[in-house]
Amino acid sequence: MPVKKSTKGQSKTGVDVKTNRTVEHKILDEAVELQSKKFFITSWKGRIIRITCNHFIVAKNREDLSNPEADVKIFPFNDILNVTNDDDRVFRLKTASSEMIFRAANNNRRDACIKFLQSSMETFTAKDYTSFMQRDDITRYWEQNLPLLQHKSRTTSFALSKVYKDTEEWKLVSDRFFQGLPQVSLVRIMRVQNKELLSRTRKYLEMMQQRLKADESRQSLASDLVWHGCKTSANVISIAEKGLLVHAGQDGVNQYGKGCYFATCSDLAARFAATVDEDLAKSLAVHPARLVGCKMIFLATLFVCDVTVGDHVEGSAPVIPESRTKRRFDTLADKVDKPTILVSTSDAQSYPSYLILFSSSG
């Protein structure tokens, strides 16, 4: 049931925790069916706050909430220590470094916000961030209701969301990037959200589980984050929209067999990095000039079960010798032990999780 909206622009007063001074809280209460929309907007000390199911964003104004170029602060819920109610209509949100006081339109709204935040904290803090790079949870950081990307006057089938610095997501992805390219400047990380590709990947995983069961195999599916370079900006849009297709990798030498090629380290993929052109830059940013000329590679989630060394002569993946159902190896590689190159044999075997933009200049 929708929560009633308060009068836009209404002002209330609260207390600044650090200084004990009275401060004015402007109550906006705009977006609000908490159970269905999974976010709400309020304000705090002149800053706009958007609280979602896994983080809250502090911005200077409403427009900055949807502007990927804006200077905003994002706090994941694993940084929140507790949420408590206070006086009439007031609740406190305490993080490791600060405490915020919110004043809701009424006590029902206050209680709803507290319940929403507390349940989100329980879900979010239960996630094990240290094992993020080994987990196959593609949608871990996905946001709701993102607009689809507009490119060259058409609407694509995917959304791109800027990953902000000082977040757990940025740190995990950037740390992996800098392992291979410590000397370059990381300009932007963009999360790819494509529901059609996600559905295709999930069907692939279900199919693989069924094949393993039918084969009575002890093998299990695992996921890894790997790198993929592409030649042009047009290829970037195609990959984000249609996925990392096997046939796309058959134009080259195919030293380790037919399929889509991935590198386990970013420096190898960077050799095949595309350059951001003006058309793509206009789609990605409010101020496109900053991105023109940057290099781009993908960080993809690849699902692997049976791996063997590939061969450019045979091309296709061979049958697994011990397989009862004559299953083929799903992944080819330059070597089985600590490979530097992996080759997928199915279009649905991988998902282009992040688009990484970087520059060799400081």
Foldseek 3Di string as FASTA:
>chain_A
DWDDWDDAQDKDWDAAPVPRDIAIFGFHFDDTPCVPQQWTWGTFRQWIWIDGLFKIKTFNDDVLVQALVGDIDIGTLLQWDAKAADPWQWIWTHGPVGITIGGHPGVVVSVVVRVSSVVSSVVHNVDDLVCVQWDDCLCNPPDPPAAAFAFPNDGAQKHKHWDDPPDSVCVVVVVQQCVFPVQWFFDTKIFIGHVVLVVLLVVVQVVVVVLCVVQVHPWDKIKGWWKAAAAEPVVVSVCSRQNQWQQVQPPDQQAFAGAGKTFRHNNVNQVRWYFDDQRVLVRVHPPSVVRGGWTKMFTKMFMATFEDAGHSVVRDFAFDPSGPVRDGGQKHFNHDPPGGMIGGDHRSRMHRGMMTTIGSPD
